[in-house]
Amino acid sequence: MKQKVGVLLTLILFASFSMPLTSISVELETLTVDQALKWAIDASAELRNLESNITNNEKKLDQIKEQFYVEQDYATVLDLAVQMMQLEQQESLSNGNIGVAKESLRISVMNLFASIIDAQQALALTDQNLSIMERELLISKVKHSLGYISKVEYTTQENNMKKSKSSRESQNLAITNAFVSLNKLMGTSLSKQYRLSLDFTYEPIKNGLQAYVSAGVLADTSVASQQVNVEVAEYELELNDPFLHGEEAEEDKEQSVTNASRDLYDTERTAEQKVVNAYNKIMDQEISYNNARLELDDLLLQKPVKEKQYELGKLTKLELDKFYYKIAQQEESIRKLTISHAIAIQQIDNPETL
């Protein structure tokens, strides 16, 4: 029995102190958000369509203006005046929509960068955990062979190891798919991968909710579009001639103003709710971030103690690596929260992208 225990302790120590092999990394081209955004803008069909619509509206507006200046029929003049206003307002909206589309592309690029980096970091953590699991499984194999643990316990641990390896394959696939989405957005080769640059420093939200709500309503494209509908309806009512169009037409146009105003009110409430939801999400992120920092601080306080225990032989290398893994997990949680929080701040600072 003493010989068995001696063999067991020797193999356990070997597994506990063994180091994982370092994988060979391939140097990739660095890609920044600004460069990716430039390519995404160049490849955007939405932006090209918006620009084409502006050009077409300008042509239509010029044609209507030419007709308006020479038109002699009173009813036609009134109709052309309304059409001119509609096209001028639409041109203004379209110009604003181009800016919104570009900013939305920036948010999309950052979210894709974040999803890729998250998957890469998750893969790195999985590899770190697999190294630990492999050494634990080796110890369990020895214990099982010597009758210290049951077949069920060993098999369960072995299956968990297989699940983690399968999860690693899924994470690799997630990285590949995320790069495909990024390349599709940029109009580049779908198989290409990059070393992504996305660095943010955590900064709490600066303004109060009401300031963001007010700015959000003003910037919301749906509100702007509905405001145009109200102005057009009011302009049509202003130009209405009861002798020319009749009293029923006057009532219809008054009702159109009322309906458009109601729709505007509902649209503004919807815009407000979007901002409130975004603000509350940021508040939740900040609570999570602060809690995660406290948990990391606790782990870092324990770190020198654990390392000293290892130096004194009171802690194995495996136990120390498991502790380091907990720190790595916590640091990754903080990194993810920092990035998602920063992107959420950028969105609420540019509420038209919400």
Protein backbone atom coordinates (compact mmCIF):
# COMPACT_ATOMS: atom_id res chain seq x y z
CA MET A 1 0.00 0.00 0.00
CA LYS A 2 2.87 2.39 0.80
CA GLN A 3 4.33 1.71 -2.64
CA LYS A 4 0.94 2.45 -4.28
CA VAL A 5 0.60 5.71 -2.38
CA GLY A 6 4.15 6.69 -3.31
CA VAL A 7 3.46 6.07 -7.00
CA LEU A 8 0.19 8.01 -6.69
CA LEU A 9 1.89 11.03 -5.08
CA THR A 10 4.69 11.01 -7.66
CA LEU A 11 2.24 11.04 -10.58
CA ILE A 12 0.04 13.67 -8.93
CA LEU A 13 3.02 15.95 -8.40
CA PHE A 14 4.11 15.40 -12.00
CA ALA A 15 0.64 16.41 -13.26
CA SER A 16 0.40 19.33 -10.85
CA PHE A 17 3.72 20.88 -11.83
CA SER A 18 3.69 20.13 -15.56
CA MET A 19 3.38 23.13 -17.88
CA PRO A 20 1.15 23.38 -20.99
CA LEU A 21 2.71 23.66 -24.42
CA THR A 22 2.70 27.12 -26.03
CA SER A 23 0.82 27.32 -29.33
CA ILE A 24 2.35 28.93 -32.40
CA SER A 25 0.59 32.16 -33.39
CA VAL A 26 0.29 33.52 -36.93
CA GLU A 27 0.97 37.21 -37.49
CA LEU A 28 -2.13 38.92 -38.88
CA GLU A 29 -2.72 42.33 -40.40
CA THR A 30 -3.91 44.87 -37.81
CA LEU A 31 -7.34 46.34 -38.49
CA THR A 32 -8.69 49.42 -36.69
CA VAL A 33 -12.31 50.51 -36.37
CA ASP A 34 -11.62 53.58 -38.54
CA GLN A 35 -10.18 51.50 -41.38
CA ALA A 36 -12.97 48.95 -41.16
CA LEU A 37 -15.55 51.76 -41.15
CA LYS A 38 -14.00 53.30 -44.28
CA TRP A 39 -14.32 50.01 -46.13
CA ALA A 40 -17.84 49.46 -44.78
CA ILE A 41 -18.93 52.91 -46.00
CA ASP A 42 -17.48 52.23 -49.45
CA ALA A 43 -19.30 48.89 -49.59
CA SER A 44 -22.64 50.07 -48.19
CA ALA A 45 -25.57 49.64 -50.58
CA GLU A 46 -27.76 51.59 -48.14
CA LEU A 47 -25.54 54.67 -48.44
CA ARG A 48 -25.43 54.43 -52.22
CA ASN A 49 -29.23 54.19 -52.30
CA LEU A 50 -29.58 57.22 -50.01
CA GLU A 51 -27.23 59.23 -52.22
CA SER A 52 -29.17 58.16 -55.33
CA ASN A 53 -32.45 59.17 -53.68
CA ILE A 54 -31.04 62.61 -52.90
CA THR A 55 -29.94 63.06 -56.51
CA ASN A 56 -33.34 61.96 -57.82
CA ASN A 57 -35.17 64.24 -55.37
CA GLU A 58 -33.02 67.19 -56.45
CA LYS A 59 -33.93 66.55 -60.10
CA LYS A 60 -37.63 66.28 -59.24
CA LEU A 61 -37.46 69.45 -57.16
CA ASP A 62 -35.80 71.37 -59.99
CA GLN A 63 -38.48 70.18 -62.42
CA ILE A 64 -41.33 71.15 -60.08
CA LYS A 65 -39.77 74.57 -59.43
CA GLU A 66 -39.53 75.22 -63.15
CA GLN A 67 -43.18 74.24 -63.59
CA PHE A 68 -44.22 76.28 -60.53
CA TYR A 69 -42.70 79.50 -61.89
CA VAL A 70 -44.57 79.28 -65.19
CA GLU A 71 -47.80 77.62 -64.04
CA GLN A 72 -50.96 79.75 -64.43
CA ASP A 73 -53.58 77.42 -63.02
CA TYR A 74 -54.34 78.32 -59.37
CA ALA A 75 -55.15 74.78 -58.20
CA THR A 76 -52.02 73.38 -59.83
CA VAL A 77 -49.88 76.10 -58.23
CA LEU A 78 -51.19 75.12 -54.80
CA ASP A 79 -50.48 71.44 -55.49
CA LEU A 80 -46.96 72.19 -56.75
CA ALA A 81 -46.23 74.29 -53.66
CA VAL A 82 -47.04 71.32 -51.43
CA GLN A 83 -44.92 69.01 -53.59
CA MET A 84 -41.96 71.41 -53.36
CA MET A 85 -42.21 71.50 -49.60
CA GLN A 86 -42.39 67.71 -49.39
CA LEU A 87 -39.30 67.27 -51.59
CA GLU A 88 -37.32 69.94 -49.72
CA GLN A 89 -38.13 68.29 -46.41
CA GLN A 90 -37.31 64.87 -47.82
CA GLU A 91 -33.95 66.12 -49.06
CA SER A 92 -33.15 67.42 -45.59
CA LEU A 93 -34.14 64.09 -44.03
CA SER A 94 -32.10 62.13 -46.56
CA ASN A 95 -28.99 64.19 -45.87
CA GLY A 96 -29.46 63.52 -42.17
CA ASN A 97 -30.04 59.83 -42.82
CA ILE A 98 -26.64 59.56 -44.50
CA GLY A 99 -24.98 60.72 -41.29
CA VAL A 100 -27.12 58.31 -39.27
CA ALA A 101 -26.25 55.41 -41.59
CA LYS A 102 -22.52 56.11 -41.25
CA GLU A 103 -22.70 56.32 -37.47
CA SER A 104 -24.78 53.13 -37.37
CA LEU A 105 -22.10 51.43 -39.44
CA ARG A 106 -19.50 52.52 -36.88
CA ILE A 107 -21.55 50.93 -34.10
CA SER A 108 -21.97 47.75 -36.18
CA VAL A 109 -18.22 47.57 -36.81
CA MET A 110 -17.45 48.01 -33.11
CA ASN A 111 -19.98 45.35 -32.14
CA LEU A 112 -18.47 42.91 -34.63
CA PHE A 113 -14.97 43.70 -33.36
CA ALA A 114 -16.19 43.10 -29.81
CA SER A 115 -17.88 39.78 -30.68
CA ILE A 116 -14.72 38.51 -32.41
CA ILE A 117 -12.41 39.57 -29.58
CA ASP A 118 -14.84 38.10 -27.02
CA ALA A 119 -14.76 34.76 -28.86
CA GLN A 120 -10.97 34.85 -29.12
CA GLN A 121 -10.60 35.59 -25.43
CA ALA A 122 -13.10 32.84 -24.58
CA LEU A 123 -10.99 30.45 -26.65
CA ALA A 124 -7.84 31.47 -24.78
CA LEU A 125 -9.60 30.87 -21.46
CA THR A 126 -10.83 27.49 -22.69
CA ASP A 127 -7.26 26.51 -23.57
CA GLN A 128 -6.11 27.62 -20.12
CA ASN A 129 -8.88 25.59 -18.51
CA LEU A 130 -8.18 22.56 -20.72
CA SER A 131 -4.58 22.54 -19.51
CA ILE A 132 -5.87 22.38 -15.94
CA MET A 133 -8.47 19.72 -16.78
CA GLU A 134 -5.88 17.55 -18.50
CA ARG A 135 -3.70 17.53 -15.41
CA GLU A 136 -6.70 16.89 -13.16
CA LEU A 137 -7.78 14.03 -15.41
CA LEU A 138 -4.31 12.49 -15.23
CA ILE A 139 -4.49 12.60 -11.45
CA SER A 140 -7.98 11.07 -11.49
CA LYS A 141 -6.81 8.33 -13.86
CA VAL A 142 -4.11 7.34 -11.40
CA LYS A 143 -6.54 7.52 -8.46
CA HIS A 144 -9.04 5.36 -10.38
CA SER A 145 -6.41 2.78 -11.27
CA LEU A 146 -5.48 2.53 -7.61
CA GLY A 147 -9.10 2.38 -6.48
CA TYR A 148 -9.29 5.77 -4.81
CA ILE A 149 -12.20 7.02 -6.98
CA SER A 150 -15.02 5.19 -8.74
CA LYS A 151 -15.38 4.53 -12.46
CA VAL A 152 -18.40 6.87 -12.50
CA GLU A 153 -16.40 9.76 -11.03
CA TYR A 154 -13.56 9.25 -13.50
CA THR A 155 -15.91 8.87 -16.50
CA THR A 156 -17.80 12.04 -15.52
CA GLN A 157 -14.54 13.98 -15.41
CA GLU A 158 -13.47 12.49 -18.73
CA ASN A 159 -16.78 13.47 -20.35
CA ASN A 160 -16.45 17.03 -19.02
CA MET A 161 -13.07 17.17 -20.70
CA LYS A 162 -14.61 16.06 -24.01
CA LYS A 163 -17.35 18.68 -23.66
CA SER A 164 -14.75 21.41 -23.15
CA LYS A 165 -12.86 20.28 -26.26
CA SER A 166 -16.12 20.32 -28.22
CA SER A 167 -16.84 23.80 -26.86
CA ARG A 168 -13.43 24.87 -28.14
CA GLU A 169 -14.41 23.80 -31.65
CA SER A 170 -17.63 25.83 -31.38
CA GLN A 171 -15.65 28.89 -30.26
CA ASN A 172 -13.33 28.54 -33.25
CA LEU A 173 -16.37 28.35 -35.53
CA ALA A 174 -17.87 31.43 -33.86
CA ILE A 175 -14.67 33.37 -34.59
CA THR A 176 -14.73 32.30 -38.23
CA ASN A 177 -18.41 33.23 -38.63
CA ALA A 178 -17.90 36.61 -36.97
CA PHE A 179 -15.03 37.40 -39.34
CA VAL A 180 -17.28 36.43 -42.27
CA SER A 181 -19.88 38.95 -41.04
CA LEU A 182 -17.23 41.65 -40.65
CA ASN A 183 -15.76 41.01 -44.11
CA LYS A 184 -19.24 41.02 -45.64
CA LEU A 185 -19.90 44.42 -44.07
CA MET A 186 -16.57 45.75 -45.38
CA GLY A 187 -16.89 44.19 -48.85
CA THR A 188 -13.64 42.25 -48.41
CA SER A 189 -12.72 38.57 -48.84
CA LEU A 190 -14.96 36.53 -46.54
CA SER A 191 -12.13 34.22 -45.47
CA LYS A 192 -9.78 36.96 -44.32
CA GLN A 193 -8.92 37.40 -40.65
CA TYR A 194 -7.22 40.27 -38.84
CA ARG A 195 -5.64 41.27 -35.58
CA LEU A 196 -8.29 43.64 -34.29
CA SER A 197 -7.65 46.83 -32.36
CA LEU A 198 -10.42 47.88 -29.98
CA ASP A 199 -9.30 49.60 -26.79
CA PHE A 200 -11.50 51.54 -24.39
CA THR A 201 -11.01 52.92 -20.91
CA TYR A 202 -13.93 52.60 -18.52
CA GLU A 203 -15.63 55.93 -17.83
CA PRO A 204 -19.01 56.23 -16.07
CA ILE A 205 -21.87 57.90 -17.91
CA LYS A 206 -21.64 61.68 -17.56
CA ASN A 207 -25.15 63.09 -18.00
CA GLY A 208 -28.50 62.49 -16.34
CA LEU A 209 -31.38 60.63 -17.93
CA GLN A 210 -33.43 63.69 -18.90
CA ALA A 211 -30.58 65.24 -20.88
CA TYR A 212 -30.24 62.05 -22.91
CA VAL A 213 -34.00 61.77 -23.41
CA SER A 214 -34.24 65.33 -24.75
CA ALA A 215 -31.30 64.82 -27.09
CA GLY A 216 -32.62 61.44 -28.17
CA VAL A 217 -36.01 62.78 -29.22
CA LEU A 218 -34.39 65.58 -31.21
CA ALA A 219 -32.03 63.19 -33.00
CA ASP A 220 -34.50 60.39 -33.71
CA THR A 221 -35.05 59.99 -37.46
CA SER A 222 -38.57 58.62 -37.00
CA VAL A 223 -39.51 61.71 -34.99
CA ALA A 224 -37.96 63.95 -37.65
CA SER A 225 -39.90 62.15 -40.38
CA GLN A 226 -43.15 62.40 -38.45
CA GLN A 227 -42.49 66.10 -37.77
CA VAL A 228 -42.25 66.60 -41.53
CA ASN A 229 -45.64 64.91 -41.92
CA VAL A 230 -47.13 67.37 -39.44
CA GLU A 231 -45.58 70.38 -41.21
CA VAL A 232 -46.75 69.18 -44.62
CA ALA A 233 -50.28 68.59 -43.29
CA GLU A 234 -50.30 72.06 -41.74
CA TYR A 235 -49.00 73.59 -44.97
CA GLU A 236 -51.70 71.84 -47.00
CA LEU A 237 -54.32 73.19 -44.58
CA GLU A 238 -52.83 76.67 -44.83
CA LEU A 239 -53.00 76.59 -48.64
CA ASN A 240 -56.47 75.09 -48.74
CA ASP A 241 -59.00 77.28 -50.52
CA PRO A 242 -62.58 76.46 -49.39
CA PHE A 243 -64.01 78.00 -52.56
CA LEU A 244 -61.75 75.83 -54.70
CA HIS A 245 -61.68 72.59 -52.72
CA GLY A 246 -64.91 72.76 -50.71
CA GLU A 247 -65.64 72.63 -46.99
CA GLU A 248 -65.22 68.84 -46.79
CA ALA A 249 -61.64 69.15 -48.03
CA GLU A 250 -60.99 71.70 -45.29
CA GLU A 251 -62.29 69.27 -42.67
CA ASP A 252 -60.24 66.41 -44.13
CA LYS A 253 -57.06 68.52 -43.99
CA GLU A 254 -57.78 69.55 -40.40
CA GLN A 255 -58.18 65.88 -39.53
CA SER A 256 -54.90 65.11 -41.29
CA VAL A 257 -53.13 67.66 -39.08
CA THR A 258 -54.72 66.12 -35.98
CA ASN A 259 -53.76 62.57 -37.02
CA ALA A 260 -50.20 63.58 -37.90
CA SER A 261 -49.82 65.37 -34.55
CA ARG A 262 -51.05 62.30 -32.67
CA ASP A 263 -48.63 60.11 -34.60
CA LEU A 264 -45.82 62.53 -33.77
CA TYR A 265 -46.66 62.34 -30.07
CA ASP A 266 -46.61 58.52 -30.16
CA THR A 267 -43.32 58.52 -32.08
CA GLU A 268 -41.75 60.87 -29.54
CA ARG A 269 -42.85 58.59 -26.69
CA THR A 270 -41.31 55.61 -28.49
CA ALA A 271 -38.06 57.53 -28.95
CA GLU A 272 -38.05 58.46 -25.27
CA GLN A 273 -38.53 54.82 -24.28
CA LYS A 274 -35.58 53.73 -26.43
CA VAL A 275 -33.33 56.21 -24.65
CA VAL A 276 -34.63 55.19 -21.21
CA ASN A 277 -33.97 51.53 -22.01
CA ALA A 278 -30.45 52.34 -23.24
CA TYR A 279 -29.74 54.45 -20.15
CA ASN A 280 -30.98 51.74 -17.77
CA LYS A 281 -28.82 49.18 -19.58
CA ILE A 282 -25.78 51.38 -18.99
CA MET A 283 -26.69 51.74 -15.32
CA ASP A 284 -26.85 47.94 -15.03
CA GLN A 285 -23.48 47.63 -16.77
CA GLU A 286 -21.91 50.09 -14.34
CA ILE A 287 -23.23 48.13 -11.34
CA SER A 288 -21.86 44.91 -12.84
CA TYR A 289 -18.53 46.57 -13.61
CA ASN A 290 -18.10 47.90 -10.06
CA ASN A 291 -18.98 44.52 -8.56
CA ALA A 292 -16.57 42.76 -10.91
CA ARG A 293 -13.78 45.17 -9.91
CA LEU A 294 -14.40 44.41 -6.23
CA GLU A 295 -14.25 40.67 -6.90
CA LEU A 296 -10.98 41.10 -8.82
CA ASP A 297 -9.52 43.21 -6.03
CA ASP A 298 -10.30 40.40 -3.58
CA LEU A 299 -8.53 37.88 -5.81
CA LEU A 300 -5.51 40.13 -6.25
CA LEU A 301 -5.24 40.48 -2.46
CA GLN A 302 -5.07 36.69 -2.23
CA LYS A 303 -2.50 36.38 -5.03
CA PRO A 304 0.73 37.05 -3.02
CA VAL A 305 -0.53 34.71 -0.29
CA LYS A 306 -1.16 31.91 -2.81
CA GLU A 307 2.24 32.46 -4.43
CA LYS A 308 3.97 32.35 -1.05
CA GLN A 309 2.13 29.12 -0.21
CA TYR A 310 3.37 27.67 -3.48
CA GLU A 311 6.96 28.72 -2.69
CA LEU A 312 6.69 27.00 0.69
CA GLY A 313 5.34 23.82 -0.87
CA LYS A 314 1.90 24.18 0.71
CA LEU A 315 0.22 24.64 -2.67
CA THR A 316 0.77 22.65 -5.86
CA LYS A 317 1.38 24.19 -9.28
CA LEU A 318 -2.01 22.88 -10.36
CA GLU A 319 -3.76 24.61 -7.47
CA LEU A 320 -1.89 27.83 -8.19
CA ASP A 321 -2.79 27.65 -11.90
CA LYS A 322 -6.46 27.14 -11.00
CA PHE A 323 -6.26 30.30 -8.92
CA TYR A 324 -4.60 32.19 -11.80
CA TYR A 325 -7.41 30.94 -14.03
CA LYS A 326 -9.99 32.51 -11.69
CA ILE A 327 -8.14 35.82 -11.99
CA ALA A 328 -8.03 35.52 -15.79
CA GLN A 329 -11.79 34.84 -15.87
CA GLN A 330 -12.50 37.87 -13.73
CA GLU A 331 -10.20 40.11 -15.80
CA GLU A 332 -11.96 38.95 -18.95
CA SER A 333 -15.37 39.74 -17.43
CA ILE A 334 -14.15 43.27 -16.69
CA ARG A 335 -12.70 43.68 -20.19
CA LYS A 336 -16.00 42.60 -21.79
CA LEU A 337 -17.99 44.94 -19.55
CA THR A 338 -15.62 47.82 -20.38
CA ILE A 339 -16.08 47.32 -24.13
CA SER A 340 -19.86 46.78 -24.09
CA HIS A 341 -20.29 49.76 -21.74
CA ALA A 342 -18.16 52.01 -23.98
CA ILE A 343 -20.16 51.04 -27.08
CA ALA A 344 -23.43 51.64 -25.21
CA ILE A 345 -22.16 55.10 -24.21
CA GLN A 346 -21.32 55.90 -27.82
CA GLN A 347 -24.81 54.87 -28.86
CA ILE A 348 -26.60 56.98 -26.28
CA ASP A 349 -24.28 59.90 -27.17
CA ASN A 350 -25.45 59.38 -30.78
CA PRO A 351 -29.07 58.44 -30.03
CA GLU A 352 -30.04 58.25 -33.69
CA THR A 353 -28.25 54.86 -33.71
CA LEU A 354 -30.41 53.36 -30.94
